[in-house]
Amino acid sequence: MSNRTSQILSSAFAAALTLGLAQTAVAQDSGKEKCYGIAKAGQNDCANLSGTHSCAGQAKADMAPDEWKYVPKGSCKSMKGMTADEAKAKHGGKK
């Protein structure tokens, strides 16, 4: 692998990593929180706790405890949702 190719790959990796971190920061700064156990099938916001998928819209069942959606901060409990720690405990501590 040439030095130029190595630089391009390193830059691409760094950009992808930064993008992922920026999305998390935006969600936190926008007054939203992850709420587990409230997403309907096909309406989750991203990867689930069990690791069976890594993308939005791939939830297979309604209200699965390892699937989540972003909701306004402070509204998760009133929607009968769970925090990440509660969801991990309910899901058997997986991932």
Protein backbone atom coordinates (compact mmCIF):
# COMPACT_ATOMS: atom_id res chain seq x y z
CA MET A 1 0.00 0.00 0.00
CA SER A 2 1.45 3.34 -1.02
CA ASN A 3 1.88 6.17 1.44
CA ARG A 4 -0.74 8.20 -0.44
CA THR A 5 -3.32 5.39 -0.24
CA SER A 6 -2.60 4.97 3.44
CA GLN A 7 -3.18 8.69 4.02
CA ILE A 8 -6.47 8.61 2.14
CA LEU A 9 -7.71 5.60 4.12
CA SER A 10 -6.67 7.18 7.41
CA SER A 11 -8.47 10.40 6.50
CA ALA A 12 -11.62 8.53 5.52
CA PHE A 13 -11.61 6.57 8.76
CA ALA A 14 -11.09 9.72 10.82
CA ALA A 15 -13.94 11.47 9.01
CA ALA A 16 -16.31 8.55 9.59
CA LEU A 17 -15.40 8.39 13.26
CA THR A 18 -15.88 12.13 13.67
CA LEU A 19 -19.26 11.99 11.94
CA GLY A 20 -20.49 9.31 14.33
CA LEU A 21 -19.35 11.29 17.36
CA ALA A 22 -20.91 14.47 16.00
CA GLN A 23 -24.30 12.80 15.58
CA THR A 24 -24.26 11.65 19.21
CA ALA A 25 -23.30 15.13 20.38
CA VAL A 26 -26.04 16.76 18.30
CA ALA A 27 -28.70 14.49 19.80
CA GLN A 28 -27.50 15.22 23.32
CA ASP A 29 -27.27 18.96 22.72
CA SER A 30 -30.70 19.13 21.10
CA GLY A 31 -32.53 18.20 24.29
CA LYS A 32 -33.20 14.60 23.31
CA GLU A 33 -32.48 11.27 24.97
CA LYS A 34 -32.54 7.63 23.94
CA CYS A 35 -35.67 5.86 25.13
CA TYR A 36 -35.67 2.05 24.98
CA GLY A 37 -38.68 -0.19 24.59
CA ILE A 38 -40.99 2.29 22.85
CA ALA A 39 -40.07 1.90 19.17
CA LYS A 40 -42.56 0.23 16.86
CA ALA A 41 -41.35 -2.28 14.28
CA GLY A 42 -39.38 -0.47 11.59
CA GLN A 43 -39.32 2.82 13.51
CA ASN A 44 -36.19 2.56 15.70
CA ASP A 45 -33.56 5.29 15.42
CA CYS A 46 -30.36 3.23 15.21
CA ALA A 47 -28.50 0.08 16.33
CA ASN A 48 -30.07 -2.07 19.03
CA LEU A 49 -28.48 -3.30 22.25
CA SER A 50 -28.35 -6.94 21.15
CA GLY A 51 -26.27 -6.10 18.08
CA THR A 52 -28.53 -7.86 15.59
CA HIS A 53 -28.61 -4.74 13.41
CA SER A 54 -26.84 -1.41 13.23
CA CYS A 55 -29.28 0.78 11.39
CA ALA A 56 -32.45 2.81 11.82
CA GLY A 57 -35.73 1.28 10.73
CA GLN A 58 -34.70 -2.33 11.30
CA ALA A 59 -36.62 -3.17 14.48
CA LYS A 60 -38.55 -6.40 13.92
CA ALA A 61 -41.11 -6.11 16.75
CA ASP A 62 -43.06 -3.38 18.51
CA MET A 63 -41.72 -2.22 21.88
CA ALA A 64 -38.68 -4.53 21.93
CA PRO A 65 -36.63 -3.63 25.05
CA ASP A 66 -33.36 -3.44 23.09
CA GLU A 67 -34.67 -0.98 20.45
CA TRP A 68 -34.74 2.78 21.00
CA LYS A 69 -35.91 6.13 19.68
CA TYR A 70 -34.85 9.68 20.47
CA VAL A 71 -37.47 11.53 22.53
CA PRO A 72 -37.48 14.92 24.26
CA LYS A 73 -35.47 14.79 27.49
CA GLY A 74 -37.62 13.92 30.46
CA SER A 75 -40.43 12.33 28.45
CA CYS A 76 -39.20 8.72 28.27
CA LYS A 77 -40.66 7.55 31.60
CA SER A 78 -44.10 8.95 30.78
CA MET A 79 -43.98 6.91 27.54
CA LYS A 80 -43.28 3.76 29.60
CA GLY A 81 -39.72 3.67 28.21
CA MET A 82 -36.40 2.73 29.79
CA THR A 83 -32.90 4.11 30.10
CA ALA A 84 -30.02 2.20 28.49
CA ASP A 85 -29.11 0.62 31.84
CA GLU A 86 -32.69 -0.49 32.48
CA ALA A 87 -32.95 -1.91 28.96
CA LYS A 88 -29.67 -3.81 29.37
CA ALA A 89 -30.93 -5.32 32.62
CA LYS A 90 -34.27 -6.28 31.09
CA HIS A 91 -32.59 -7.70 28.01
CA GLY A 92 -30.41 -9.94 30.16
CA GLY A 93 -27.29 -7.80 30.26
CA LYS A 94 -26.44 -8.48 26.62
CA LYS A 95 -24.07 -5.99 25.02
